[in-house]
C-alpha atoms as a PDB file:
ATOM      1  CA  MET A   1       0.000   0.000   0.000  1.00  0.00           C
ATOM      2  CA  VAL A   2       1.297   3.474  -0.821  1.00  0.00           C
ATOM      3  CA  ASP A   3       1.970   5.620   2.222  1.00  0.00           C
ATOM      4  CA  VAL A   4       0.336   8.845   1.022  1.00  0.00           C
ATOM      5  CA  MET A   5      -3.197   9.811   0.074  1.00  0.00           C
ATOM      6  CA  ARG A   6      -5.245  12.671  -1.325  1.00  0.00           C
ATOM      7  CA  ALA A   7      -7.152  14.657   1.279  1.00  0.00           C
ATOM      8  CA  ILE A   8      -8.934  17.967   1.746  1.00  0.00           C
ATOM      9  CA  VAL A   9      -7.263  20.118   4.406  1.00  0.00           C
ATOM     10  CA  ILE A  10      -8.467  23.314   6.097  1.00  0.00           C
ATOM     11  CA  ASP A  11      -5.704  25.428   7.655  1.00  0.00           C
ATOM     12  CA  ALA A  12      -8.026  28.141   8.981  1.00  0.00           C
ATOM     13  CA  PRO A  13     -11.730  29.031   8.696  1.00  0.00           C
ATOM     14  CA  GLY A  14     -13.036  30.884   5.680  1.00  0.00           C
ATOM     15  CA  ALA A  15     -14.878  30.672   2.364  1.00  0.00           C
ATOM     16  CA  PRO A  16     -15.161  27.353   0.479  1.00  0.00           C
ATOM     17  CA  GLU A  17     -11.791  28.060  -1.142  1.00  0.00           C
ATOM     18  CA  VAL A  18     -10.018  27.247   2.155  1.00  0.00           C
ATOM     19  CA  LEU A  19     -10.743  23.596   1.339  1.00  0.00           C
ATOM     20  CA  GLN A  20      -7.378  22.622  -0.188  1.00  0.00           C
ATOM     21  CA  GLN A  21      -6.638  19.259  -1.809  1.00  0.00           C
ATOM     22  CA  ARG A  22      -3.226  17.951  -0.743  1.00  0.00           C
ATOM     23  CA  VAL A  23      -1.149  14.798  -0.634  1.00  0.00           C
ATOM     24  CA  VAL A  24      -0.650  13.776   3.003  1.00  0.00           C
ATOM     25  CA  PRO A  25       0.503  10.648   4.866  1.00  0.00           C
ATOM     26  CA  ILE A  26      -2.023   7.849   5.302  1.00  0.00           C
ATOM     27  CA  PRO A  27      -2.881   7.622   9.027  1.00  0.00           C
ATOM     28  CA  ALA A  28      -1.410   4.678  10.915  1.00  0.00           C
ATOM     29  CA  PRO A  29      -4.079   3.053  13.120  1.00  0.00           C
ATOM     30  CA  SER A  30      -3.261   1.936  16.655  1.00  0.00           C
ATOM     31  CA  VAL A  31      -4.881  -0.983  18.478  1.00  0.00           C
ATOM     32  CA  GLY A  32      -8.519  -0.008  18.987  1.00  0.00           C
ATOM     33  CA  GLU A  33      -8.641   1.974  15.754  1.00  0.00           C
ATOM     34  CA  VAL A  34      -9.726   1.021  12.239  1.00  0.00           C
ATOM     35  CA  LEU A  35      -8.235   2.321   9.000  1.00  0.00           C
ATOM     36  CA  ILE A  36     -10.938   2.652   6.343  1.00  0.00           C
ATOM     37  CA  ARG A  37     -10.354   3.069   2.617  1.00  0.00           C
ATOM     38  CA  VAL A  38     -12.994   5.672   1.880  1.00  0.00           C
ATOM     39  CA  LYS A  39     -15.256   4.970  -1.074  1.00  0.00           C
ATOM     40  CA  ALA A  40     -17.729   7.816  -0.485  1.00  0.00           C
ATOM     41  CA  PHE A  41     -18.691  10.408   2.098  1.00  0.00           C
ATOM     42  CA  GLY A  42     -21.774  12.511   2.648  1.00  0.00           C
ATOM     43  CA  LEU A  43     -21.713  16.300   2.861  1.00  0.00           C
ATOM     44  CA  ASN A  44     -23.240  17.948   5.916  1.00  0.00           C
ATOM     45  CA  ARG A  45     -24.085  21.462   7.021  1.00  0.00           C
ATOM     46  CA  SER A  46     -22.113  20.913  10.207  1.00  0.00           C
ATOM     47  CA  GLU A  47     -19.013  20.684   7.993  1.00  0.00           C
ATOM     48  CA  LEU A  48     -20.021  23.977   6.436  1.00  0.00           C
ATOM     49  CA  HIS A  49     -20.291  25.489   9.930  1.00  0.00           C
ATOM     50  CA  PHE A  50     -16.878  24.060  10.881  1.00  0.00           C
ATOM     51  CA  ARG A  51     -15.302  25.427   7.705  1.00  0.00           C
ATOM     52  CA  GLN A  52     -16.865  28.839   8.387  1.00  0.00           C
ATOM     53  CA  GLY A  53     -15.441  28.844  11.909  1.00  0.00           C
ATOM     54  CA  VAL A  54     -18.797  28.993  13.695  1.00  0.00           C
ATOM     55  CA  ALA A  55     -18.862  25.415  15.017  1.00  0.00           C
ATOM     56  CA  THR A  56     -18.776  24.906  18.773  1.00  0.00           C
ATOM     57  CA  SER A  57     -15.839  22.476  18.662  1.00  0.00           C
ATOM     58  CA  GLY A  58     -12.827  21.566  16.563  1.00  0.00           C
ATOM     59  CA  SER A  59      -9.314  22.719  15.733  1.00  0.00           C
ATOM     60  CA  PHE A  60      -7.212  23.583  12.697  1.00  0.00           C
ATOM     61  CA  PRO A  61      -5.478  22.497  10.572  1.00  0.00           C
ATOM     62  CA  ARG A  62      -7.898  19.636   9.998  1.00  0.00           C
ATOM     63  CA  ILE A  63      -9.186  17.180   7.406  1.00  0.00           C
ATOM     64  CA  PRO A  64     -12.956  17.743   7.773  1.00  0.00           C
ATOM     65  CA  GLY A  65     -15.805  15.285   7.353  1.00  0.00           C
ATOM     66  CA  ILE A  66     -18.075  13.738   9.975  1.00  0.00           C
ATOM     67  CA  GLU A  67     -18.950  10.545   8.077  1.00  0.00           C
ATOM     68  CA  ALA A  68     -17.662   8.065   5.502  1.00  0.00           C
ATOM     69  CA  VAL A  69     -18.340   4.643   4.023  1.00  0.00           C
ATOM     70  CA  GLY A  70     -15.765   2.274   2.639  1.00  0.00           C
ATOM     71  CA  LEU A  71     -13.726  -0.878   3.169  1.00  0.00           C
ATOM     72  CA  VAL A  72     -11.649  -1.893   6.166  1.00  0.00           C
ATOM     73  CA  GLU A  73      -7.972  -1.560   5.254  1.00  0.00           C
ATOM     74  CA  SER A  74      -6.551  -2.441   8.674  1.00  0.00           C
ATOM     75  CA  ALA A  75      -7.833  -3.220  12.163  1.00  0.00           C
ATOM     76  CA  PRO A  76      -4.845  -3.902  14.454  1.00  0.00           C
ATOM     77  CA  GLY A  77      -7.132  -4.991  17.286  1.00  0.00           C
ATOM     78  CA  GLY A  78      -8.937  -7.541  15.114  1.00  0.00           C
ATOM     79  CA  GLU A  79     -12.370  -5.955  15.486  1.00  0.00           C
ATOM     80  CA  PHE A  80     -13.093  -6.180  11.734  1.00  0.00           C
ATOM     81  CA  VAL A  81     -11.820  -8.258   8.850  1.00  0.00           C
ATOM     82  CA  VAL A  82      -9.942  -6.546   6.044  1.00  0.00           C
ATOM     83  CA  GLY A  83     -12.268  -5.753   3.154  1.00  0.00           C
ATOM     84  CA  ALA A  84     -15.457  -5.518   5.237  1.00  0.00           C
ATOM     85  CA  GLN A  85     -17.945  -2.838   4.228  1.00  0.00           C
ATOM     86  CA  VAL A  86     -18.315  -0.292   7.000  1.00  0.00           C
ATOM     87  CA  ALA A  87     -19.673   3.134   7.833  1.00  0.00           C
ATOM     88  CA  THR A  88     -18.355   5.596  10.379  1.00  0.00           C
ATOM     89  CA  LEU A  89     -19.615   8.912  11.714  1.00  0.00           C
ATOM     90  CA  MET A  90     -19.394  11.537  14.441  1.00  0.00           C
ATOM     91  CA  GLY A  91     -17.386  11.001  17.630  1.00  0.00           C
ATOM     92  CA  GLY A  92     -15.099  13.964  16.934  1.00  0.00           C
ATOM     93  CA  MET A  93     -14.475  12.997  13.316  1.00  0.00           C
ATOM     94  CA  GLY A  94     -13.421  15.938  11.187  1.00  0.00           C
ATOM     95  CA  ARG A  95     -13.106  18.259  14.181  1.00  0.00           C
ATOM     96  CA  ILE A  96     -11.118  16.721  17.025  1.00  0.00           C
ATOM     97  CA  PHE A  97      -9.315  14.287  14.721  1.00  0.00           C
ATOM     98  CA  ASP A  98      -9.067  14.053  10.939  1.00  0.00           C
ATOM     99  CA  GLY A  99     -12.245  13.072   9.133  1.00  0.00           C
ATOM    100  CA  GLY A 100     -13.656  11.605   5.977  1.00  0.00           C
ATOM    101  CA  TYR A 101     -12.669  14.130   3.262  1.00  0.00           C
ATOM    102  CA  ALA A 102      -9.806  11.826   2.257  1.00  0.00           C
ATOM    103  CA  GLU A 103      -8.913   8.546   0.605  1.00  0.00           C
ATOM    104  CA  TYR A 104      -8.337   6.943   4.024  1.00  0.00           C
ATOM    105  CA  VAL A 105      -9.562   7.709   7.531  1.00  0.00           C
ATOM    106  CA  SER A 106      -8.603   6.197  10.886  1.00  0.00           C
ATOM    107  CA  VAL A 107     -11.298   6.142  13.563  1.00  0.00           C
ATOM    108  CA  PRO A 108     -11.989   4.432  16.902  1.00  0.00           C
ATOM    109  CA  ALA A 109     -13.351   0.920  16.384  1.00  0.00           C
ATOM    110  CA  GLY A 110     -16.392   1.742  18.511  1.00  0.00           C
ATOM    111  CA  GLN A 111     -17.725   4.133  15.886  1.00  0.00           C
ATOM    112  CA  VAL A 112     -17.423   1.721  12.977  1.00  0.00           C
ATOM    113  CA  ILE A 113     -20.669   0.109  11.805  1.00  0.00           C
ATOM    114  CA  PRO A 114     -20.548  -2.948   9.529  1.00  0.00           C
ATOM    115  CA  PHE A 115     -23.027  -3.604   6.756  1.00  0.00           C
ATOM    116  CA  HIS A 116     -23.332  -5.568   3.519  1.00  0.00           C
ATOM    117  CA  SER A 117     -24.900  -4.110   0.412  1.00  0.00           C
ATOM    118  CA  ASP A 118     -24.644  -4.150  -3.382  1.00  0.00           C
ATOM    119  CA  LEU A 119     -26.037  -0.610  -3.628  1.00  0.00           C
ATOM    120  CA  PRO A 120     -23.813   1.960  -5.405  1.00  0.00           C
ATOM    121  CA  TRP A 121     -21.281   3.747  -3.214  1.00  0.00           C
ATOM    122  CA  ALA A 122     -22.939   7.075  -3.993  1.00  0.00           C
ATOM    123  CA  THR A 123     -26.167   5.784  -2.466  1.00  0.00           C
ATOM    124  CA  LEU A 124     -24.376   4.230   0.503  1.00  0.00           C
ATOM    125  CA  GLY A 125     -22.448   7.427   1.119  1.00  0.00           C
ATOM    126  CA  ALA A 126     -25.682   9.374   1.516  1.00  0.00           C
ATOM    127  CA  VAL A 127     -27.048   7.222   4.314  1.00  0.00           C
ATOM    128  CA  PRO A 128     -25.124   7.095   7.648  1.00  0.00           C
ATOM    129  CA  GLU A 129     -25.406  10.568   9.179  1.00  0.00           C
ATOM    130  CA  MET A 130     -28.737  11.270   7.481  1.00  0.00           C
ATOM    131  CA  LEU A 131     -30.227   8.008   8.781  1.00  0.00           C
ATOM    132  CA  GLN A 132     -28.753   8.441  12.272  1.00  0.00           C
ATOM    133  CA  THR A 133     -30.193  11.944  12.579  1.00  0.00           C
ATOM    134  CA  ALA A 134     -33.588  11.066  11.136  1.00  0.00           C
ATOM    135  CA  ALA A 135     -33.991   7.804  13.056  1.00  0.00           C
ATOM    136  CA  GLY A 136     -32.791   9.389  16.304  1.00  0.00           C
ATOM    137  CA  SER A 137     -35.156  12.334  15.922  1.00  0.00           C
ATOM    138  CA  LEU A 138     -38.020   9.924  15.364  1.00  0.00           C
ATOM    139  CA  ASP A 139     -37.130   7.355  18.037  1.00  0.00           C
ATOM    140  CA  VAL A 140     -35.525   9.485  20.759  1.00  0.00           C
ATOM    141  CA  GLY A 141     -36.688  13.004  19.989  1.00  0.00           C
ATOM    142  CA  VAL A 142     -40.434  12.476  19.496  1.00  0.00           C
ATOM    143  CA  GLU A 143     -40.878   8.730  20.169  1.00  0.00           C
ATOM    144  CA  GLY A 144     -42.926   8.440  16.986  1.00  0.00           C
ATOM    145  CA  LYS A 145     -45.448   5.622  16.701  1.00  0.00           C
ATOM    146  CA  ALA A 146     -47.673   4.143  14.020  1.00  0.00           C
ATOM    147  CA  GLY A 147     -50.929   6.031  13.616  1.00  0.00           C
ATOM    148  CA  GLN A 148     -49.526   9.372  14.814  1.00  0.00           C
ATOM    149  CA  THR A 149     -49.221  12.558  12.787  1.00  0.00           C
ATOM    150  CA  LEU A 150     -45.698  13.836  12.142  1.00  0.00           C
ATOM    151  CA  LEU A 151     -44.787  17.352  10.995  1.00  0.00           C
ATOM    152  CA  ILE A 152     -41.368  17.808   9.376  1.00  0.00           C
ATOM    153  CA  ARG A 153     -40.365  21.490   9.331  1.00  0.00           C
ATOM    154  CA  GLY A 154     -37.765  21.645   6.557  1.00  0.00           C
ATOM    155  CA  GLY A 155     -38.947  18.623   4.617  1.00  0.00           C
ATOM    156  CA  THR A 156     -36.787  19.012   1.499  1.00  0.00           C
ATOM    157  CA  SER A 157     -33.510  18.867   3.423  1.00  0.00           C
ATOM    158  CA  SER A 158     -31.748  15.505   3.275  1.00  0.00           C
ATOM    159  CA  VAL A 159     -32.696  14.709   6.884  1.00  0.00           C
ATOM    160  CA  GLY A 160     -36.235  15.944   6.247  1.00  0.00           C
ATOM    161  CA  GLN A 161     -36.585  13.618   3.287  1.00  0.00           C
ATOM    162  CA  ALA A 162     -35.196  10.700   5.298  1.00  0.00           C
ATOM    163  CA  LEU A 163     -37.687  11.487   8.072  1.00  0.00           C
ATOM    164  CA  GLY A 164     -40.505  11.392   5.522  1.00  0.00           C
ATOM    165  CA  VAL A 165     -39.392   7.954   4.352  1.00  0.00           C
ATOM    166  CA  LEU A 166     -38.994   6.603   7.905  1.00  0.00           C
ATOM    167  CA  GLY A 167     -42.291   8.104   9.052  1.00  0.00           C
ATOM    168  CA  LYS A 168     -44.198   6.410   6.243  1.00  0.00           C
ATOM    169  CA  LEU A 169     -42.366   3.101   6.836  1.00  0.00           C
ATOM    170  CA  ARG A 170     -43.509   3.367  10.452  1.00  0.00           C
ATOM    171  CA  GLY A 171     -47.155   3.941   9.518  1.00  0.00           C
ATOM    172  CA  MET A 172     -47.394   7.617  10.451  1.00  0.00           C
ATOM    173  CA  THR A 173     -49.329  10.354   8.670  1.00  0.00           C
ATOM    174  CA  VAL A 174     -46.636  12.756   7.484  1.00  0.00           C
ATOM    175  CA  LEU A 175     -46.871  16.487   6.858  1.00  0.00           C
ATOM    176  CA  ALA A 176     -43.775  18.275   5.536  1.00  0.00           C
ATOM    177  CA  THR A 177     -42.925  21.845   4.658  1.00  0.00           C
ATOM    178  CA  THR A 178     -41.067  23.465   1.784  1.00  0.00           C
ATOM    179  CA  ARG A 179     -40.552  27.102   0.918  1.00  0.00           C
ATOM    180  CA  SER A 180     -40.862  26.402  -2.805  1.00  0.00           C
ATOM    181  CA  ALA A 181     -43.858  25.114  -4.744  1.00  0.00           C
ATOM    182  CA  ASP A 182     -41.363  23.560  -7.152  1.00  0.00           C
ATOM    183  CA  ARG A 183     -40.359  21.067  -4.437  1.00  0.00           C
ATOM    184  CA  VAL A 184     -43.858  19.756  -3.693  1.00  0.00           C
ATOM    185  CA  SER A 185     -43.565  16.862  -6.153  1.00  0.00           C
ATOM    186  CA  LEU A 186     -40.270  15.806  -4.558  1.00  0.00           C
ATOM    187  CA  LEU A 187     -41.944  15.323  -1.180  1.00  0.00           C
ATOM    188  CA  GLU A 188     -45.033  13.712  -2.680  1.00  0.00           C
ATOM    189  CA  GLY A 189     -42.721  11.229  -4.415  1.00  0.00           C
ATOM    190  CA  LEU A 190     -41.444  10.163  -1.008  1.00  0.00           C
ATOM    191  CA  GLY A 191     -44.997   9.368   0.105  1.00  0.00           C
ATOM    192  CA  VAL A 192     -45.567  12.503   2.222  1.00  0.00           C
ATOM    193  CA  ASP A 193     -49.313  12.845   2.853  1.00  0.00           C
ATOM    194  CA  GLN A 194     -49.538  16.656   2.987  1.00  0.00           C
ATOM    195  CA  VAL A 195     -47.035  19.208   1.693  1.00  0.00           C
ATOM    196  CA  LEU A 196     -47.222  22.721   3.116  1.00  0.00           C
ATOM    197  CA  ILE A 197     -45.725  25.821   1.509  1.00  0.00           C
ATOM    198  CA  ASP A 198     -43.818  27.547   4.290  1.00  0.00           C
ATOM    199  CA  GLY A 199     -43.940  31.327   4.280  1.00  0.00           C
ATOM    200  CA  GLY A 200     -42.675  31.548   7.842  1.00  0.00           C
ATOM    201  CA  GLU A 201     -45.900  30.588   9.632  1.00  0.00           C
ATOM    202  CA  ILE A 202     -47.617  27.253   9.044  1.00  0.00           C
ATOM    203  CA  ALA A 203     -49.399  26.540  12.351  1.00  0.00           C
ATOM    204  CA  ASP A 204     -52.797  27.652  11.026  1.00  0.00           C
ATOM    205  CA  GLN A 205     -52.356  25.506   7.894  1.00  0.00           C
ATOM    206  CA  VAL A 206     -51.471  22.512  10.033  1.00  0.00           C
ATOM    207  CA  ARG A 207     -54.456  22.950  12.329  1.00  0.00           C
ATOM    208  CA  ARG A 208     -56.837  23.179   9.387  1.00  0.00           C
ATOM    209  CA  LEU A 209     -55.578  19.739   8.324  1.00  0.00           C
ATOM    210  CA  VAL A 210     -55.160  18.338  11.848  1.00  0.00           C
ATOM    211  CA  PRO A 211     -57.564  20.343  14.033  1.00  0.00           C
ATOM    212  CA  GLY A 212     -56.071  19.354  17.364  1.00  0.00           C
ATOM    213  CA  GLY A 213     -52.468  19.798  16.215  1.00  0.00           C
ATOM    214  CA  VAL A 214     -49.920  17.165  15.231  1.00  0.00           C
ATOM    215  CA  ASP A 215     -48.677  14.502  17.629  1.00  0.00           C
ATOM    216  CA  ALA A 216     -45.025  15.073  16.795  1.00  0.00           C
ATOM    217  CA  ALA A 217     -42.898  17.626  14.972  1.00  0.00           C
ATOM    218  CA  VAL A 218     -39.221  17.686  14.038  1.00  0.00           C
ATOM    219  CA  GLU A 219     -37.745  21.169  13.685  1.00  0.00           C
ATOM    220  CA  LEU A 220     -35.011  21.312  11.050  1.00  0.00           C
ATOM    221  CA  VAL A 221     -35.180  24.996  10.079  1.00  0.00           C
ATOM    222  CA  GLY A 222     -34.178  26.727  13.292  1.00  0.00           C
ATOM    223  CA  VAL A 223     -35.367  28.756  16.237  1.00  0.00           C
ATOM    224  CA  ASN A 224     -36.629  31.516  13.937  1.00  0.00           C
ATOM    225  CA  VAL A 225     -39.663  29.319  13.123  1.00  0.00           C
ATOM    226  CA  MET A 226     -39.705  26.935  16.097  1.00  0.00           C
ATOM    227  CA  ARG A 227     -42.256  28.978  18.050  1.00  0.00           C
ATOM    228  CA  ASP A 228     -44.678  28.505  15.153  1.00  0.00           C
ATOM    229  CA  THR A 229     -43.865  24.772  15.039  1.00  0.00           C
ATOM    230  CA  LEU A 230     -44.731  24.523  18.736  1.00  0.00           C
ATOM    231  CA  ARG A 231     -48.098  26.192  17.991  1.00  0.00           C
ATOM    232  CA  ALA A 232     -48.806  23.503  15.380  1.00  0.00           C
ATOM    233  CA  THR A 233     -48.431  20.715  17.962  1.00  0.00           C
ATOM    234  CA  ARG A 234     -51.183  19.325  20.173  1.00  0.00           C
ATOM    235  CA  ARG A 235     -51.207  19.401  23.959  1.00  0.00           C
ATOM    236  CA  GLY A 236     -49.187  16.367  25.028  1.00  0.00           C
ATOM    237  CA  GLY A 237     -47.367  16.333  21.694  1.00  0.00           C
ATOM    238  CA  THR A 238     -43.627  16.726  21.214  1.00  0.00           C
ATOM    239  CA  VAL A 239     -41.414  19.029  19.150  1.00  0.00           C
ATOM    240  CA  CYS A 240     -37.813  17.906  18.652  1.00  0.00           C
ATOM    241  CA  PHE A 241     -35.210  20.526  17.761  1.00  0.00           C
ATOM    242  CA  THR A 242     -32.784  18.740  15.447  1.00  0.00           C
ATOM    243  CA  GLY A 243     -31.550  21.184  12.816  1.00  0.00           C
ATOM    244  CA  MET A 244     -30.921  24.793  11.958  1.00  0.00           C
ATOM    245  CA  LEU A 245     -30.980  25.204   8.191  1.00  0.00           C
ATOM    246  CA  SER A 246     -31.494  28.893   8.798  1.00  0.00           C
ATOM    247  CA  ASP A 247     -28.253  29.008  10.844  1.00  0.00           C
ATOM    248  CA  GLN A 248     -30.250  30.457  13.737  1.00  0.00           C
ATOM    249  CA  TRP A 249     -29.372  28.285  16.740  1.00  0.00           C
ATOM    250  CA  SER A 250     -30.244  30.174  19.901  1.00  0.00           C
ATOM    251  CA  ILE A 251     -33.145  32.175  21.338  1.00  0.00           C
ATOM    252  CA  PRO A 252     -32.308  35.567  22.869  1.00  0.00           C
ATOM    253  CA  ASP A 253     -34.036  36.182  26.212  1.00  0.00           C
ATOM    254  CA  PHE A 254     -35.759  32.803  26.105  1.00  0.00           C
ATOM    255  CA  TYR A 255     -38.818  32.813  28.370  1.00  0.00           C
ATOM    256  CA  PRO A 256     -40.284  29.254  28.349  1.00  0.00           C
ATOM    257  CA  MET A 257     -43.792  30.176  29.513  1.00  0.00           C
ATOM    258  CA  ASP A 258     -44.105  32.631  26.646  1.00  0.00           C
ATOM    259  CA  TRP A 259     -42.547  30.356  24.030  1.00  0.00           C
ATOM    260  CA  ILE A 260     -43.941  26.911  24.820  1.00  0.00           C
ATOM    261  CA  PRO A 261     -47.712  26.329  24.643  1.00  0.00           C
ATOM    262  CA  ASN A 262     -49.322  24.658  27.645  1.00  0.00           C
ATOM    263  CA  GLY A 263     -48.582  20.947  27.721  1.00  0.00           C
ATOM    264  CA  VAL A 264     -46.434  20.824  24.553  1.00  0.00           C
ATOM    265  CA  ARG A 265     -43.102  19.095  25.060  1.00  0.00           C
ATOM    266  CA  LEU A 266     -39.847  20.457  23.608  1.00  0.00           C
ATOM    267  CA  THR A 267     -36.872  18.122  23.195  1.00  0.00           C
ATOM    268  CA  ALA A 268     -33.659  18.073  21.146  1.00  0.00           C
ATOM    269  CA  TYR A 269     -31.597  15.478  19.321  1.00  0.00           C
ATOM    270  CA  SER A 270     -28.003  15.452  18.097  1.00  0.00           C
ATOM    271  CA  GLY A 271     -26.855  11.843  18.583  1.00  0.00           C
ATOM    272  CA  GLY A 272     -23.728   9.996  17.516  1.00  0.00           C
ATOM    273  CA  ALA A 273     -22.370   6.774  16.056  1.00  0.00           C
ATOM    274  CA  SER A 274     -23.657   4.678  18.966  1.00  0.00           C
ATOM    275  CA  ASP A 275     -27.205   5.743  18.093  1.00  0.00           C
ATOM    276  CA  LEU A 276     -27.000   4.080  14.675  1.00  0.00           C
ATOM    277  CA  THR A 277     -26.924   0.322  15.177  1.00  0.00           C
ATOM    278  CA  SER A 278     -25.787  -2.149  12.566  1.00  0.00           C
ATOM    279  CA  ALA A 279     -29.312  -3.608  12.533  1.00  0.00           C
ATOM    280  CA  THR A 280     -30.891  -0.222  11.817  1.00  0.00           C
ATOM    281  CA  LEU A 281     -28.401   0.569   9.057  1.00  0.00           C
ATOM    282  CA  GLN A 282     -28.672  -2.880   7.486  1.00  0.00           C
ATOM    283  CA  GLY A 283     -32.462  -2.856   7.683  1.00  0.00           C
ATOM    284  CA  PHE A 284     -32.677   0.502   5.949  1.00  0.00           C
ATOM    285  CA  LEU A 285     -30.219  -0.502   3.204  1.00  0.00           C
ATOM    286  CA  ASP A 286     -32.174  -3.729   2.631  1.00  0.00           C
ATOM    287  CA  ALA A 287     -35.404  -1.718   2.343  1.00  0.00           C
ATOM    288  CA  VAL A 288     -33.724   0.537  -0.224  1.00  0.00           C
ATOM    289  CA  ALA A 289     -32.475  -2.476  -2.192  1.00  0.00           C
ATOM    290  CA  ARG A 290     -35.993  -3.929  -2.254  1.00  0.00           C
ATOM    291  CA  GLY A 291     -37.424  -0.647  -3.519  1.00  0.00           C
ATOM    292  CA  HIS A 292     -39.360   0.000  -0.296  1.00  0.00           C
ATOM    293  CA  ALA A 293     -37.438   3.134   0.716  1.00  0.00           C
ATOM    294  CA  PRO A 294     -35.855   5.816  -1.480  1.00  0.00           C
ATOM    295  CA  VAL A 295     -32.577   7.538  -0.634  1.00  0.00           C
ATOM    296  CA  PRO A 296     -32.844  11.308  -1.194  1.00  0.00           C
ATOM    297  CA  LEU A 297     -29.554  11.551  -3.082  1.00  0.00           C
ATOM    298  CA  GLY A 298     -28.820  15.031  -4.416  1.00  0.00           C
ATOM    299  CA  ARG A 299     -25.657  15.892  -6.327  1.00  0.00           C
ATOM    300  CA  VAL A 300     -22.623  13.612  -6.581  1.00  0.00           C
ATOM    301  CA  TYR A 301     -19.127  15.105  -6.650  1.00  0.00           C
ATOM    302  CA  ALA A 302     -15.512  14.024  -7.057  1.00  0.00           C
ATOM    303  CA  LEU A 303     -12.922  14.860  -4.397  1.00  0.00           C
ATOM    304  CA  ASP A 304     -11.554  17.760  -6.452  1.00  0.00           C
ATOM    305  CA  GLN A 305     -15.074  19.260  -6.583  1.00  0.00           C
ATOM    306  CA  VAL A 306     -15.430  19.749  -2.820  1.00  0.00           C
ATOM    307  CA  VAL A 307     -15.092  23.551  -3.080  1.00  0.00           C
ATOM    308  CA  GLN A 308     -17.998  23.622  -5.548  1.00  0.00           C
ATOM    309  CA  ALA A 309     -19.960  21.277  -3.290  1.00  0.00           C
ATOM    310  CA  HIS A 310     -19.635  23.706  -0.376  1.00  0.00           C
ATOM    311  CA  HIS A 311     -20.733  26.592  -2.594  1.00  0.00           C
ATOM    312  CA  ASP A 312     -23.750  24.479  -3.567  1.00  0.00           C
ATOM    313  CA  MET A 313     -24.553  23.755   0.093  1.00  0.00           C
ATOM    314  CA  GLU A 314     -24.375  27.443   0.922  1.00  0.00           C
ATOM    315  CA  ASN A 315     -26.702  28.233  -1.985  1.00  0.00           C
ATOM    316  CA  ASN A 316     -29.121  25.366  -1.114  1.00  0.00           C
ATOM    317  CA  VAL A 317     -28.997  23.867  -4.595  1.00  0.00           C
ATOM    318  CA  VAL A 318     -27.829  20.320  -3.776  1.00  0.00           C
ATOM    319  CA  GLY A 319     -31.413  19.019  -3.912  1.00  0.00           C
ATOM    320  CA  GLY A 320     -31.000  16.263  -1.339  1.00  0.00           C
ATOM    321  CA  LYS A 321     -27.953  14.656   0.216  1.00  0.00           C
ATOM    322  CA  GLY A 322     -24.688  15.671  -1.419  1.00  0.00           C
ATOM    323  CA  VAL A 323     -22.117  12.893  -1.723  1.00  0.00           C
ATOM    324  CA  VAL A 324     -18.463  12.736  -2.765  1.00  0.00           C
ATOM    325  CA  VAL A 325     -17.413   9.479  -4.425  1.00  0.00           C
ATOM    326  CA  LEU A 326     -13.739   8.534  -4.609  1.00  0.00           C
END
């Protein structure tokens, strides 16, 4: 094996152009770590925030990237066989230690998830972080159950689309929002029951469709609309704050009794690798292979197109989950 690899390195925060492709040494895994030959990695807004310098953790210089899929190249502790298909995500990847924007990545064995699939690497690369976030929001954040109504605020985002798929697989009635009428057909194609055009306030629309309010809502847009999302939720229902597509994360002078309607529960979900089990990942990939679940794959890039990919993320034109295939 050659001892160098191509990787994207950030020396300091800035515009997408700070993402520099370089030739660097391949990491040498210690016992308890796994070296993965990266075949694809998903693109995430948290990487955009890290690159911009507004993330809450991380250091530079750094190879970014909070997820990757590929093949085990080496596992000194014997946790995985060489050549096994695996996914990895989170756990400090791409912030505390070098991440997936590279031909190889070394990560702790505990955040490596095995799977087996004949799906294309582009499809596989779209799944790990998106599935972890969507499944965790549904299972932990709102404890969604069959027969309930689910509102997805920010439905055309990659996580929003995954939530739509998972909600329908679970037997829920799904409502999802988009700011653009041009995206309605995208959500309907995922099986979403009601698509709402979001002009900033949708609670009245929701309550016309579901008079008592929805059972569960996942907030992916941000705190600028979350108060309205809370108003769309029934007493005893739950809103889970998962995302901030608007880049608005915090509430100045937050006064809970003014913000939260009587009896509505507000939770949050961020999660990590341990929240995505091998069984959950394998089950979802099998459902995709059988045609029972679509993967909201947006644009596919090569490694030397990462700068353009970040421009596309900033301009919200990826159209689903962006993936880099090596």
